[in-house]
Amino acid sequence: MRLTSTYRGVITGLLMIGISVLFFYGLHWPVKGYNHFAAQAIYVVGILWSLIAFKINAGAERTTKEYFSEGFKTFIVATLLMVLYTVIFYKLNPQILEKMLTENAVLAAKEGNYTPADIEANSNKLRSIFMPMTIAITTLIHLVLGAIVSVIGGVILRQQK
């Protein structure tokens, strides 16, 4: 069975999820930290793996558009898996949002310009937009990074003989 770029995207996404789970649950590292760089490195390597395999399997010269298409098939699947993981992760760990809201309320109280009602209203607003905002940011970061890696990788691989 030939490994397609879509399957490479599934493998890449699962590896990214695996490393994220290991860092949070296994090593107890914080959600916000440098551990995202390891998942992003896996993401970049997965896309490059797909592009290089496409070059090796290609019988003739390919265009940058064809390389981007292969990279797209990989990064769109990996992005989908990471977005699904993000939703499930934050639904299973509501304490992360609550901790962020508490820290935000403490900072607002220290500032002294807000009433307790203002702080509560702000917390409620943040709670309501947290998941859509997190999903949007996760999606955007992965799509932009995937597109950049696919284009640059395609240009470089197209030029190599």
N, C-alpha and C. Protein backbone atom coordinates (compact mmCIF):
# COMPACT_ATOMS: atom_id res chain seq x y z
N MET A 1 0.84 -1.18 0.00
CA MET A 1 0.00 0.00 0.00
C MET A 1 0.89 1.25 0.00
N ARG A 2 0.62 2.14 -0.92
CA ARG A 2 1.36 3.39 -1.02
C ARG A 2 0.79 4.38 -0.01
N LEU A 3 1.68 5.01 0.71
CA LEU A 3 1.27 5.98 1.73
C LEU A 3 0.97 7.32 1.05
N THR A 4 -0.29 7.74 1.07
CA THR A 4 -0.67 8.98 0.41
C THR A 4 -0.39 10.17 1.33
N SER A 5 -0.45 11.35 0.76
CA SER A 5 -0.22 12.55 1.56
C SER A 5 -1.30 12.74 2.62
N THR A 6 -2.50 12.27 2.35
CA THR A 6 -3.57 12.36 3.35
C THR A 6 -3.24 11.49 4.56
N TYR A 7 -2.75 10.27 4.31
CA TYR A 7 -2.35 9.40 5.42
C TYR A 7 -1.16 9.99 6.17
N ARG A 8 -0.26 10.63 5.44
CA ARG A 8 0.86 11.30 6.11
C ARG A 8 0.34 12.42 7.01
N GLY A 9 -0.71 13.09 6.58
CA GLY A 9 -1.34 14.12 7.41
C GLY A 9 -1.96 13.53 8.67
N VAL A 10 -2.58 12.36 8.54
CA VAL A 10 -3.15 11.68 9.71
C VAL A 10 -2.03 11.30 10.68
N ILE A 11 -0.96 10.73 10.16
CA ILE A 11 0.17 10.34 11.00
C ILE A 11 0.77 11.57 11.68
N THR A 12 0.95 12.64 10.92
CA THR A 12 1.50 13.87 11.47
C THR A 12 0.60 14.43 12.57
N GLY A 13 -0.69 14.50 12.31
CA GLY A 13 -1.64 15.01 13.31
C GLY A 13 -1.66 14.16 14.57
N LEU A 14 -1.63 12.85 14.41
CA LEU A 14 -1.62 11.97 15.57
C LEU A 14 -0.33 12.11 16.37
N LEU A 15 0.79 12.29 15.69
CA LEU A 15 2.05 12.52 16.40
C LEU A 15 2.02 13.84 17.17
N MET A 16 1.43 14.88 16.56
CA MET A 16 1.30 16.17 17.23
C MET A 16 0.42 16.04 18.47
N ILE A 17 -0.67 15.32 18.34
CA ILE A 17 -1.56 15.10 19.49
C ILE A 17 -0.83 14.30 20.55
N GLY A 18 -0.12 13.28 20.13
CA GLY A 18 0.62 12.45 21.07
C GLY A 18 1.63 13.23 21.88
N ILE A 19 2.39 14.09 21.21
CA ILE A 19 3.40 14.88 21.93
C ILE A 19 2.73 15.90 22.85
N SER A 20 1.60 16.45 22.42
CA SER A 20 0.88 17.41 23.28
C SER A 20 0.33 16.72 24.52
N VAL A 21 -0.22 15.53 24.33
CA VAL A 21 -0.74 14.77 25.47
C VAL A 21 0.39 14.39 26.41
N LEU A 22 1.52 13.95 25.85
CA LEU A 22 2.67 13.59 26.68
C LEU A 22 3.14 14.77 27.51
N PHE A 23 3.26 15.93 26.90
CA PHE A 23 3.74 17.11 27.62
C PHE A 23 2.78 17.53 28.73
N PHE A 24 1.46 17.51 28.46
CA PHE A 24 0.51 18.00 29.45
C PHE A 24 0.23 16.96 30.53
N TYR A 25 -0.13 15.76 30.12
CA TYR A 25 -0.53 14.75 31.10
C TYR A 25 0.66 13.96 31.66
N GLY A 26 1.65 13.69 30.82
CA GLY A 26 2.78 12.89 31.27
C GLY A 26 3.82 13.70 32.02
N LEU A 27 4.23 14.82 31.44
CA LEU A 27 5.27 15.64 32.04
C LEU A 27 4.73 16.80 32.87
N HIS A 28 3.41 17.02 32.79
CA HIS A 28 2.73 18.08 33.55
C HIS A 28 3.29 19.47 33.22
N TRP A 29 3.59 19.67 31.95
CA TRP A 29 4.03 21.00 31.51
C TRP A 29 2.81 21.88 31.32
N PRO A 30 2.96 23.19 31.47
CA PRO A 30 1.80 24.08 31.30
C PRO A 30 1.33 24.11 29.84
N VAL A 31 0.08 24.48 29.66
CA VAL A 31 -0.49 24.54 28.31
C VAL A 31 0.22 25.60 27.47
N LYS A 32 0.41 26.75 28.06
CA LYS A 32 1.11 27.83 27.36
C LYS A 32 2.59 27.74 27.69
N GLY A 33 3.38 27.44 26.70
CA GLY A 33 4.80 27.32 26.92
C GLY A 33 5.50 26.92 25.63
N TYR A 34 6.72 26.52 25.78
CA TYR A 34 7.53 26.18 24.62
C TYR A 34 7.20 24.80 24.05
N ASN A 35 6.34 24.04 24.71
CA ASN A 35 6.00 22.72 24.21
C ASN A 35 5.27 22.77 22.87
N HIS A 36 4.67 23.91 22.53
CA HIS A 36 4.01 24.04 21.23
C HIS A 36 5.02 23.96 20.09
N PHE A 37 6.25 24.34 20.36
CA PHE A 37 7.26 24.30 19.32
C PHE A 37 7.56 22.86 18.88
N ALA A 38 7.49 21.91 19.80
CA ALA A 38 7.71 20.51 19.44
C ALA A 38 6.61 20.02 18.51
N ALA A 39 5.36 20.37 18.82
CA ALA A 39 4.25 19.97 17.95
C ALA A 39 4.36 20.66 16.59
N GLN A 40 4.75 21.92 16.57
CA GLN A 40 4.91 22.64 15.31
C GLN A 40 6.06 22.05 14.48
N ALA A 41 7.12 21.62 15.15
CA ALA A 41 8.24 20.99 14.45
C ALA A 41 7.79 19.69 13.79
N ILE A 42 6.98 18.91 14.50
CA ILE A 42 6.44 17.69 13.92
C ILE A 42 5.57 18.01 12.71
N TYR A 43 4.80 19.08 12.83
CA TYR A 43 3.93 19.53 11.73
C TYR A 43 4.75 19.87 10.49
N VAL A 44 5.80 20.64 10.67
CA VAL A 44 6.66 21.04 9.54
C VAL A 44 7.33 19.81 8.93
N VAL A 45 7.86 18.93 9.77
CA VAL A 45 8.52 17.72 9.28
C VAL A 45 7.52 16.84 8.52
N GLY A 46 6.29 16.74 9.01
CA GLY A 46 5.27 15.94 8.32
C GLY A 46 4.95 16.48 6.94
N ILE A 47 4.86 17.79 6.82
CA ILE A 47 4.60 18.39 5.51
C ILE A 47 5.79 18.17 4.58
N LEU A 48 6.99 18.39 5.09
CA LEU A 48 8.19 18.17 4.27
C LEU A 48 8.32 16.71 3.87
N TRP A 49 7.97 15.80 4.75
CA TRP A 49 7.98 14.37 4.45
C TRP A 49 7.07 14.09 3.25
N SER A 50 5.90 14.68 3.25
CA SER A 50 4.96 14.50 2.15
C SER A 50 5.51 15.08 0.85
N LEU A 51 6.11 16.25 0.92
CA LEU A 51 6.66 16.88 -0.28
C LEU A 51 7.85 16.10 -0.85
N ILE A 52 8.72 15.64 0.02
CA ILE A 52 9.89 14.89 -0.42
C ILE A 52 9.46 13.55 -1.02
N ALA A 53 8.51 12.88 -0.39
CA ALA A 53 7.99 11.63 -0.94
C ALA A 53 7.35 11.86 -2.30
N PHE A 54 6.67 12.97 -2.46
CA PHE A 54 6.07 13.31 -3.74
C PHE A 54 7.14 13.50 -4.81
N LYS A 55 8.22 14.15 -4.45
CA LYS A 55 9.32 14.36 -5.40
C LYS A 55 9.96 13.04 -5.78
N ILE A 56 10.17 12.17 -4.81
CA ILE A 56 10.80 10.88 -5.07
C ILE A 56 9.92 10.01 -5.97
N ASN A 57 8.62 10.03 -5.73
CA ASN A 57 7.69 9.21 -6.50
C ASN A 57 7.29 9.82 -7.83
N ALA A 58 7.60 11.08 -8.05
CA ALA A 58 7.21 11.76 -9.28
C ALA A 58 8.12 11.29 -10.43
N GLY A 59 7.50 10.91 -11.51
CA GLY A 59 8.27 10.47 -12.66
C GLY A 59 8.83 11.64 -13.46
N ALA A 60 8.10 12.72 -13.51
CA ALA A 60 8.52 13.89 -14.28
C ALA A 60 8.67 15.08 -13.34
N GLU A 61 9.13 16.18 -13.90
CA GLU A 61 9.23 17.41 -13.09
C GLU A 61 7.83 17.88 -12.73
N ARG A 62 7.72 18.36 -11.53
CA ARG A 62 6.43 18.84 -11.02
C ARG A 62 6.49 20.35 -10.82
N THR A 63 5.34 20.97 -10.84
CA THR A 63 5.26 22.41 -10.64
C THR A 63 5.12 22.71 -9.15
N THR A 64 5.33 23.97 -8.81
CA THR A 64 5.15 24.40 -7.43
C THR A 64 3.70 24.19 -7.01
N LYS A 65 2.79 24.39 -7.93
CA LYS A 65 1.37 24.18 -7.64
C LYS A 65 1.09 22.73 -7.24
N GLU A 66 1.71 21.79 -7.93
CA GLU A 66 1.52 20.37 -7.60
C GLU A 66 2.12 20.04 -6.23
N TYR A 67 3.28 20.63 -5.93
CA TYR A 67 3.88 20.43 -4.61
C TYR A 67 2.98 21.02 -3.52
N PHE A 68 2.46 22.22 -3.78
CA PHE A 68 1.56 22.83 -2.80
C PHE A 68 0.33 21.96 -2.58
N SER A 69 -0.20 21.41 -3.65
CA SER A 69 -1.38 20.55 -3.55
C SER A 69 -1.10 19.33 -2.66
N GLU A 70 0.07 18.74 -2.81
CA GLU A 70 0.44 17.60 -1.95
C GLU A 70 0.60 18.05 -0.50
N GLY A 71 1.27 19.17 -0.30
CA GLY A 71 1.42 19.69 1.05
C GLY A 71 0.08 20.03 1.66
N PHE A 72 -0.81 20.59 0.86
CA PHE A 72 -2.14 20.95 1.34
C PHE A 72 -2.89 19.72 1.84
N LYS A 73 -2.82 18.64 1.08
CA LYS A 73 -3.50 17.41 1.49
C LYS A 73 -2.99 16.91 2.83
N THR A 74 -1.73 17.17 3.10
CA THR A 74 -1.15 16.75 4.37
C THR A 74 -1.55 17.71 5.48
N PHE A 75 -1.33 19.01 5.27
CA PHE A 75 -1.54 19.94 6.37
C PHE A 75 -3.00 20.18 6.69
N ILE A 76 -3.90 19.98 5.76
CA ILE A 76 -5.31 20.19 6.07
C ILE A 76 -5.82 19.10 7.01
N VAL A 77 -5.36 17.88 6.81
CA VAL A 77 -5.77 16.78 7.68
C VAL A 77 -5.16 16.94 9.07
N ALA A 78 -3.87 17.28 9.12
CA ALA A 78 -3.21 17.49 10.40
C ALA A 78 -3.86 18.65 11.16
N THR A 79 -4.21 19.70 10.45
CA THR A 79 -4.88 20.85 11.08
C THR A 79 -6.24 20.44 11.64
N LEU A 80 -7.00 19.68 10.87
CA LEU A 80 -8.30 19.21 11.34
C LEU A 80 -8.15 18.39 12.62
N LEU A 81 -7.18 17.50 12.66
CA LEU A 81 -6.97 16.70 13.86
C LEU A 81 -6.57 17.56 15.05
N MET A 82 -5.73 18.56 14.83
CA MET A 82 -5.32 19.44 15.93
C MET A 82 -6.48 20.30 16.44
N VAL A 83 -7.34 20.73 15.55
CA VAL A 83 -8.51 21.51 15.97
C VAL A 83 -9.45 20.63 16.80
N LEU A 84 -9.69 19.41 16.34
CA LEU A 84 -10.52 18.48 17.11
C LEU A 84 -9.90 18.19 18.47
N TYR A 85 -8.60 17.99 18.49
CA TYR A 85 -7.91 17.76 19.76
C TYR A 85 -8.06 18.97 20.68
N THR A 86 -7.92 20.17 20.14
CA THR A 86 -8.03 21.39 20.93
C THR A 86 -9.41 21.50 21.58
N VAL A 87 -10.45 21.23 20.81
CA VAL A 87 -11.81 21.29 21.35
C VAL A 87 -11.98 20.27 22.48
N ILE A 88 -11.58 19.04 22.22
CA ILE A 88 -11.72 17.98 23.23
C ILE A 88 -10.87 18.28 24.46
N PHE A 89 -9.65 18.75 24.23
CA PHE A 89 -8.73 19.05 25.33
C PHE A 89 -9.32 20.09 26.27
N TYR A 90 -9.81 21.20 25.73
CA TYR A 90 -10.35 22.25 26.60
C TYR A 90 -11.70 21.87 27.21
N LYS A 91 -12.46 21.00 26.55
CA LYS A 91 -13.70 20.52 27.16
C LYS A 91 -13.39 19.59 28.34
N LEU A 92 -12.31 18.80 28.23
CA LEU A 92 -11.92 17.89 29.31
C LEU A 92 -11.17 18.60 30.44
N ASN A 93 -10.67 19.80 30.17
CA ASN A 93 -9.87 20.53 31.16
C ASN A 93 -10.41 21.94 31.37
N PRO A 94 -11.62 22.08 31.91
CA PRO A 94 -12.18 23.42 32.11
C PRO A 94 -11.41 24.23 33.15
N GLN A 95 -10.60 23.59 33.96
CA GLN A 95 -9.82 24.31 34.96
C GLN A 95 -8.82 25.26 34.31
N ILE A 96 -8.42 25.00 33.09
CA ILE A 96 -7.48 25.89 32.40
C ILE A 96 -8.15 27.24 32.14
N LEU A 97 -9.37 27.21 31.63
CA LEU A 97 -10.12 28.45 31.40
C LEU A 97 -10.40 29.15 32.72
N GLU A 98 -10.81 28.41 33.73
CA GLU A 98 -11.12 29.03 35.02
C GLU A 98 -9.88 29.68 35.63
N LYS A 99 -8.74 29.05 35.50
CA LYS A 99 -7.49 29.63 36.02
C LYS A 99 -7.17 30.94 35.29
N MET A 100 -7.35 30.93 33.95
CA MET A 100 -7.10 32.13 33.16
C MET A 100 -8.05 33.26 33.57
N LEU A 101 -9.32 32.93 33.78
CA LEU A 101 -10.30 33.94 34.19
C LEU A 101 -9.99 34.50 35.58
N THR A 102 -9.55 33.64 36.48
CA THR A 102 -9.18 34.09 37.83
C THR A 102 -7.98 35.03 37.77
N GLU A 103 -6.97 34.65 37.00
CA GLU A 103 -5.78 35.51 36.85
C GLU A 103 -6.16 36.85 36.25
N ASN A 104 -7.04 36.84 35.26
CA ASN A 104 -7.48 38.07 34.62
C ASN A 104 -8.25 38.96 35.61
N ALA A 105 -9.10 38.34 36.43
CA ALA A 105 -9.87 39.10 37.42
C ALA A 105 -8.95 39.72 38.47
N VAL A 106 -7.93 38.99 38.90
CA VAL A 106 -6.97 39.50 39.87
C VAL A 106 -6.22 40.70 39.29
N LEU A 107 -5.80 40.58 38.04
CA LEU A 107 -5.09 41.70 37.40
C LEU A 107 -5.99 42.92 37.26
N ALA A 108 -7.24 42.70 36.90
CA ALA A 108 -8.18 43.83 36.75
C ALA A 108 -8.45 44.47 38.11
N ALA A 109 -8.55 43.66 39.16
CA ALA A 109 -8.79 44.21 40.50
C ALA A 109 -7.59 45.02 40.98
N LYS A 110 -6.39 44.54 40.68
CA LYS A 110 -5.18 45.27 41.08
C LYS A 110 -5.07 46.61 40.36
N GLU A 111 -5.57 46.64 39.14
CA GLU A 111 -5.50 47.88 38.37
C GLU A 111 -6.36 48.96 39.02
N GLY A 112 -7.47 48.56 39.61
CA GLY A 112 -8.29 49.49 40.38
C GLY A 112 -9.29 50.30 39.58
N ASN A 113 -9.33 50.15 38.28
CA ASN A 113 -10.25 50.93 37.45
C ASN A 113 -11.58 50.23 37.19
N TYR A 114 -11.74 49.04 37.73
CA TYR A 114 -12.93 48.25 37.43
C TYR A 114 -13.69 47.90 38.71
N THR A 115 -15.00 47.90 38.58
CA THR A 115 -15.84 47.48 39.70
C THR A 115 -15.95 45.96 39.66
N PRO A 116 -16.36 45.35 40.76
CA PRO A 116 -16.57 43.89 40.73
C PRO A 116 -17.57 43.45 39.65
N ALA A 117 -18.57 44.29 39.39
CA ALA A 117 -19.53 43.96 38.33
C ALA A 117 -18.86 43.99 36.96
N ASP A 118 -17.96 44.95 36.74
CA ASP A 118 -17.23 45.02 35.47
C ASP A 118 -16.33 43.80 35.30
N ILE A 119 -15.68 43.42 36.36
CA ILE A 119 -14.78 42.26 36.32
C ILE A 119 -15.58 40.99 36.02
N GLU A 120 -16.73 40.85 36.66
CA GLU A 120 -17.59 39.67 36.43
C GLU A 120 -18.11 39.65 34.99
N ALA A 121 -18.52 40.82 34.49
CA ALA A 121 -19.01 40.90 33.11
C ALA A 121 -17.91 40.56 32.13
N ASN A 122 -16.70 41.02 32.40
CA ASN A 122 -15.56 40.71 31.54
C ASN A 122 -15.26 39.21 31.57
N SER A 123 -15.31 38.60 32.73
CA SER A 123 -15.08 37.16 32.86
C SER A 123 -16.13 36.37 32.07
N ASN A 124 -17.38 36.79 32.16
CA ASN A 124 -18.44 36.12 31.41
C ASN A 124 -18.24 36.26 29.91
N LYS A 125 -17.81 37.45 29.49
CA LYS A 125 -17.56 37.68 28.06
C LYS A 125 -16.40 36.81 27.58
N LEU A 126 -15.32 36.76 28.36
CA LEU A 126 -14.18 35.92 27.99
C LEU A 126 -14.57 34.45 27.94
N ARG A 127 -15.38 34.03 28.89
CA ARG A 127 -15.83 32.63 28.92
C ARG A 127 -16.62 32.29 27.65
N SER A 128 -17.45 33.23 27.20
CA SER A 128 -18.29 32.96 26.02
C SER A 128 -17.50 32.95 24.72
N ILE A 129 -16.40 33.68 24.64
CA ILE A 129 -15.65 33.72 23.39
C ILE A 129 -14.39 32.84 23.41
N PHE A 130 -14.11 32.21 24.53
CA PHE A 130 -12.87 31.45 24.66
C PHE A 130 -12.74 30.33 23.63
N MET A 131 -13.75 29.47 23.54
CA MET A 131 -13.64 28.33 22.64
C MET A 131 -13.62 28.74 21.17
N PRO A 132 -14.52 29.62 20.71
CA PRO A 132 -14.42 30.05 19.31
C PRO A 132 -13.09 30.73 18.99
N MET A 133 -12.61 31.54 19.91
CA MET A 133 -11.34 32.23 19.70
C MET A 133 -10.18 31.23 19.65
N THR A 134 -10.18 30.27 20.54
CA THR A 134 -9.12 29.26 20.57
C THR A 134 -9.14 28.42 19.30
N ILE A 135 -10.31 28.02 18.85
CA ILE A 135 -10.42 27.24 17.62
C ILE A 135 -9.94 28.06 16.43
N ALA A 136 -10.34 29.32 16.36
CA ALA A 136 -9.94 30.17 15.25
C ALA A 136 -8.43 30.38 15.22
N ILE A 137 -7.84 30.63 16.37
CA ILE A 137 -6.39 30.85 16.43
C ILE A 137 -5.64 29.58 16.05
N THR A 138 -6.06 28.44 16.59
CA THR A 138 -5.42 27.17 16.27
C THR A 138 -5.50 26.89 14.77
N THR A 139 -6.67 27.06 14.20
CA THR A 139 -6.86 26.82 12.77
C THR A 139 -6.00 27.76 11.94
N LEU A 140 -6.05 29.03 12.24
CA LEU A 140 -5.30 30.01 11.47
C LEU A 140 -3.79 29.77 11.52
N ILE A 141 -3.27 29.52 12.70
CA ILE A 141 -1.83 29.28 12.83
C ILE A 141 -1.41 28.07 12.01
N HIS A 142 -2.16 26.98 12.11
CA HIS A 142 -1.78 25.78 11.38
C HIS A 142 -1.94 25.94 9.87
N LEU A 143 -2.98 26.60 9.44
CA LEU A 143 -3.18 26.79 8.00
C LEU A 143 -2.10 27.69 7.40
N VAL A 144 -1.79 28.78 8.08
CA VAL A 144 -0.76 29.69 7.57
C VAL A 144 0.60 29.01 7.55
N LEU A 145 0.96 28.36 8.64
CA LEU A 145 2.25 27.66 8.69
C LEU A 145 2.32 26.57 7.63
N GLY A 146 1.24 25.80 7.47
CA GLY A 146 1.21 24.75 6.46
C GLY A 146 1.35 25.29 5.05
N ALA A 147 0.69 26.40 4.77
CA ALA A 147 0.79 26.99 3.44
C ALA A 147 2.20 27.51 3.17
N ILE A 148 2.80 28.14 4.16
CA ILE A 148 4.15 28.67 3.99
C ILE A 148 5.14 27.54 3.75
N VAL A 149 5.07 26.50 4.56
CA VAL A 149 5.99 25.37 4.41
C VAL A 149 5.77 24.68 3.06
N SER A 150 4.53 24.53 2.65
CA SER A 150 4.25 23.88 1.36
C SER A 150 4.78 24.69 0.19
N VAL A 151 4.60 25.99 0.22
CA VAL A 151 5.08 26.83 -0.88
C VAL A 151 6.60 26.85 -0.92
N ILE A 152 7.22 27.12 0.21
CA ILE A 152 8.69 27.18 0.24
C ILE A 152 9.29 25.82 -0.10
N GLY A 153 8.74 24.76 0.48
CA GLY A 153 9.22 23.42 0.17
C GLY A 153 9.04 23.07 -1.30
N GLY A 154 7.90 23.44 -1.86
CA GLY A 154 7.65 23.19 -3.28
C GLY A 154 8.60 23.93 -4.18
N VAL A 155 8.88 25.18 -3.86
CA VAL A 155 9.81 25.97 -4.67
C VAL A 155 11.21 25.36 -4.61
N ILE A 156 11.64 25.00 -3.43
CA ILE A 156 12.99 24.43 -3.28
C ILE A 156 13.08 23.07 -3.97
N LEU A 157 12.10 22.21 -3.77
CA LEU A 157 12.15 20.89 -4.38
C LEU A 157 11.99 20.93 -5.89
N ARG A 158 11.25 21.89 -6.40
CA ARG A 158 11.07 22.02 -7.84
C ARG A 158 12.37 22.40 -8.51
N GLN A 159 13.17 23.20 -7.83
CA GLN A 159 14.42 23.69 -8.41
C GLN A 159 15.54 22.67 -8.34
N GLN A 160 15.43 21.69 -7.45
CA GLN A 160 16.50 20.69 -7.32
C GLN A 160 16.38 19.65 -8.42
N LYS A 161 17.51 19.27 -8.96
CA LYS A 161 17.55 18.25 -10.00
C LYS A 161 17.79 16.89 -9.40
